[in-house]
Amino acid sequence: MLLVVCTRLTMSGVYRASAFAFVLTFYGVCMTAEAQAPTPSPAPISVPCASRSNTSCAECLQNVTCLWCSPTKQCIDYPVRNILPPSSVCPLSDARWGMCWVNFQILIITMSVLGGVIIIGLLVCCCRCCKCERIGNKKEDAKVERQTRARKSRQKAKSTEMQLRHDEIRQKYGMAKDNPYARMNDH
């Protein structure tokens, strides 16, 4: 969700549209897969997984503690000491757990790709946000510098104008100095 929000904030229209299409496609695939998967009914826990061997994958996986190995058609207890079942129990490409249509090898690859996409998306989002902030700061700095220059030029113009007025008044009353360092009483 954070990726989608950040993407909407920082990406241009083309990227935003493609990101939206990706999210919709991913959501559609997940909903289709969920709709197609039969909902297994809970089985009594007291029935051991080994008693369901040589049946069907769906019947074996009714118990969440069971693991189905396709080529041997064996239903075994999930090896909880390991995160993934070892190859000696069942090869990853043939092991099924939770749902019959997902094997561990595809699950690992899919989760790795999705994790990588999310991490890259977050990094891109953060970089774009930082870049926008830096650009904003540069624009702000340039604006402040322009305002400072304008203020100094107006101040200099006012100072010059004031000096001219003072010189005109001195000329008018005959107090103009030929030598700027001479005292006014000397005239």
Protein backbone atom coordinates (compact mmCIF):
# COMPACT_ATOMS: atom_id res chain seq x y z
CA MET A 1 0.00 0.00 0.00
CA LEU A 2 2.87 2.36 0.88
CA LEU A 3 4.39 1.65 -2.52
CA VAL A 4 1.17 2.61 -4.29
CA VAL A 5 0.78 5.84 -2.28
CA CYS A 6 4.40 6.83 -2.77
CA THR A 7 4.20 5.93 -6.45
CA ARG A 8 1.16 8.14 -6.88
CA LEU A 9 2.92 11.03 -5.18
CA THR A 10 6.19 10.92 -7.06
CA MET A 11 5.80 9.30 -10.47
CA SER A 12 4.67 10.89 -13.67
CA GLY A 13 1.41 9.93 -15.37
CA VAL A 14 2.91 7.14 -17.50
CA TYR A 15 4.60 5.44 -14.55
CA ARG A 16 1.55 5.96 -12.38
CA ALA A 17 -0.68 4.28 -14.96
CA SER A 18 1.65 1.30 -15.36
CA ALA A 19 1.97 0.91 -11.59
CA PHE A 20 -1.81 1.02 -11.25
CA ALA A 21 -2.17 -1.60 -13.99
CA PHE A 22 0.38 -3.84 -12.23
CA VAL A 23 -1.49 -3.56 -8.92
CA LEU A 24 -4.81 -4.36 -10.60
CA THR A 25 -3.31 -7.34 -12.45
CA PHE A 26 -1.69 -8.69 -9.29
CA TYR A 27 -4.94 -8.27 -7.35
CA GLY A 28 -6.89 -10.03 -10.12
CA VAL A 29 -4.48 -12.98 -10.20
CA CYS A 30 -4.66 -13.35 -6.42
CA MET A 31 -8.46 -13.18 -6.39
CA THR A 32 -8.75 -15.68 -9.28
CA ALA A 33 -6.38 -18.11 -7.60
CA GLU A 34 -8.25 -17.77 -4.34
CA ALA A 35 -11.60 -18.33 -6.05
CA GLN A 36 -10.34 -21.46 -7.85
CA ALA A 37 -8.77 -23.06 -4.80
CA PRO A 38 -11.17 -25.42 -3.06
CA THR A 39 -11.66 -24.65 0.58
CA PRO A 40 -10.54 -27.71 2.51
CA SER A 41 -12.73 -28.71 5.40
CA PRO A 42 -10.97 -29.05 8.71
CA ALA A 43 -10.03 -32.61 9.56
CA PRO A 44 -9.58 -34.00 13.00
CA ILE A 45 -6.04 -33.42 14.21
CA SER A 46 -5.84 -36.88 15.69
CA VAL A 47 -5.63 -38.48 12.21
CA PRO A 48 -1.91 -38.84 11.37
CA CYS A 49 -0.70 -37.59 8.00
CA ALA A 50 0.83 -40.95 7.09
CA SER A 51 -2.65 -42.54 7.05
CA ARG A 52 -3.57 -40.25 4.12
CA SER A 53 -0.78 -41.48 1.87
CA ASN A 54 -1.76 -42.87 -1.54
CA THR A 55 -4.90 -40.69 -1.55
CA SER A 56 -5.21 -37.26 -3.16
CA CYS A 57 -3.34 -34.04 -2.53
CA ALA A 58 -6.53 -32.24 -1.49
CA GLU A 59 -7.38 -34.91 1.08
CA CYS A 60 -3.85 -34.85 2.50
CA LEU A 61 -3.72 -31.07 2.79
CA GLN A 62 -6.97 -30.86 4.71
CA ASN A 63 -4.72 -31.03 7.75
CA VAL A 64 -2.37 -28.03 7.82
CA THR A 65 0.41 -30.03 9.45
CA CYS A 66 0.67 -32.37 6.45
CA LEU A 67 2.96 -32.12 3.44
CA TRP A 68 2.14 -33.82 0.12
CA CYS A 69 4.90 -35.21 -2.04
CA SER A 70 3.59 -35.61 -5.62
CA PRO A 71 5.82 -38.29 -7.20
CA THR A 72 5.63 -40.67 -4.24
CA LYS A 73 2.00 -39.74 -3.40
CA GLN A 74 2.91 -39.68 0.25
CA CYS A 75 1.34 -37.54 2.90
CA ILE A 76 3.90 -36.80 5.61
CA ASP A 77 4.11 -34.58 8.66
CA TYR A 78 5.64 -31.22 7.81
CA PRO A 79 9.24 -31.14 9.11
CA VAL A 80 8.76 -28.22 11.51
CA ARG A 81 12.42 -28.15 12.55
CA ASN A 82 13.29 -26.83 9.06
CA ILE A 83 11.79 -23.82 7.33
CA LEU A 84 11.73 -25.69 4.04
CA PRO A 85 11.40 -29.45 3.73
CA PRO A 86 14.78 -31.05 2.99
CA SER A 87 15.33 -32.77 -0.36
CA SER A 88 15.61 -36.10 1.40
CA VAL A 89 11.96 -35.81 2.44
CA CYS A 90 10.66 -34.45 -0.87
CA PRO A 91 12.17 -32.26 -3.63
CA LEU A 92 10.99 -28.64 -3.44
CA SER A 93 9.48 -28.76 -6.93
CA ASP A 94 7.28 -31.70 -5.89
CA ALA A 95 6.36 -30.66 -2.33
CA ARG A 96 2.91 -29.18 -1.71
CA TRP A 97 1.72 -27.54 1.48
CA GLY A 98 -1.43 -25.54 2.10
CA MET A 99 -2.64 -25.67 -1.52
CA CYS A 100 -2.12 -28.35 -4.12
CA TRP A 101 -1.38 -25.98 -7.01
CA VAL A 102 1.59 -24.23 -5.29
CA ASN A 103 4.92 -26.00 -4.93
CA PHE A 104 7.70 -24.70 -2.72
CA GLN A 105 10.08 -23.89 -5.55
CA ILE A 106 7.56 -21.58 -7.26
CA LEU A 107 6.57 -20.12 -3.89
CA ILE A 108 10.19 -19.25 -3.05
CA ILE A 109 10.82 -17.70 -6.47
CA THR A 110 7.56 -15.72 -6.38
CA MET A 111 8.12 -14.42 -2.86
CA SER A 112 11.72 -13.46 -3.71
CA VAL A 113 10.62 -11.54 -6.82
CA LEU A 114 7.78 -9.80 -4.97
CA GLY A 115 10.08 -8.93 -2.08
CA GLY A 116 12.66 -7.55 -4.51
CA VAL A 117 10.03 -5.51 -6.36
CA ILE A 118 8.74 -4.05 -3.10
CA ILE A 119 12.25 -3.20 -1.88
CA ILE A 120 13.23 -1.63 -5.23
CA GLY A 121 9.93 0.26 -5.30
CA LEU A 122 10.53 1.64 -1.82
CA LEU A 123 14.09 2.63 -2.71
CA VAL A 124 12.94 4.36 -5.90
CA CYS A 125 10.19 6.11 -3.97
CA CYS A 126 12.61 7.30 -1.30
CA CYS A 127 15.15 8.47 -3.89
CA ARG A 128 12.51 10.34 -5.85
CA CYS A 129 11.16 11.95 -2.69
CA CYS A 130 14.67 13.02 -1.65
CA LYS A 131 15.37 14.29 -5.17
CA CYS A 132 12.16 16.30 -5.18
CA GLU A 133 13.07 17.72 -1.78
CA ARG A 134 16.54 18.68 -2.99
CA ILE A 135 15.10 20.31 -6.11
CA GLY A 136 12.60 22.14 -3.93
CA ASN A 137 15.40 23.35 -1.66
CA LYS A 138 17.45 24.50 -4.66
CA LYS A 139 14.46 26.39 -6.01
CA GLU A 140 13.85 27.89 -2.60
CA ASP A 141 17.50 28.91 -2.24
CA ALA A 142 17.49 30.50 -5.70
CA LYS A 143 14.28 32.39 -4.86
CA VAL A 144 15.75 33.72 -1.59
CA GLU A 145 18.93 34.74 -3.41
CA ARG A 146 16.93 36.61 -6.08
CA GLN A 147 14.93 38.38 -3.38
CA THR A 148 18.14 39.36 -1.54
CA ARG A 149 19.69 40.73 -4.74
CA ALA A 150 16.53 42.71 -5.53
CA ARG A 151 16.39 44.09 -1.99
CA LYS A 152 20.06 45.17 -2.15
CA SER A 153 19.60 46.86 -5.53
CA ARG A 154 16.52 48.74 -4.24
CA GLN A 155 18.45 49.78 -1.12
CA LYS A 156 21.38 50.98 -3.24
CA ALA A 157 19.04 52.93 -5.53
CA LYS A 158 17.36 54.58 -2.53
CA SER A 159 20.75 55.43 -1.01
CA THR A 160 21.91 56.99 -4.30
CA GLU A 161 18.64 58.91 -4.64
CA MET A 162 18.95 60.22 -1.07
CA GLN A 163 22.55 61.29 -1.69
CA LEU A 164 21.48 63.17 -4.86
CA ARG A 165 18.70 64.94 -2.96
CA HIS A 166 21.13 65.98 -0.25
CA ASP A 167 23.59 67.25 -2.85
CA GLU A 168 20.80 69.26 -4.55
CA ILE A 169 19.82 70.85 -1.23
CA ARG A 170 23.46 71.74 -0.52
CA GLN A 171 23.75 73.29 -4.02
CA LYS A 172 20.52 75.23 -3.53
CA TYR A 173 21.70 76.82 -0.28
CA GLY A 174 25.28 77.28 -1.42
CA MET A 175 26.67 74.73 0.90
CA ALA A 176 28.18 72.54 -1.79
CA LYS A 177 31.65 71.39 -1.00
CA ASP A 178 34.34 71.49 -3.61
CA ASN A 179 36.52 69.48 -1.34
CA PRO A 180 34.50 66.78 0.34
CA TYR A 181 36.96 66.83 3.25
CA ALA A 182 36.68 70.61 3.88
CA ARG A 183 34.64 71.88 6.83
CA MET A 184 31.34 73.54 6.15
CA ASN A 185 32.36 76.62 8.21
CA ASP A 186 35.15 77.44 5.73
CA HIS A 187 32.70 78.60 3.07
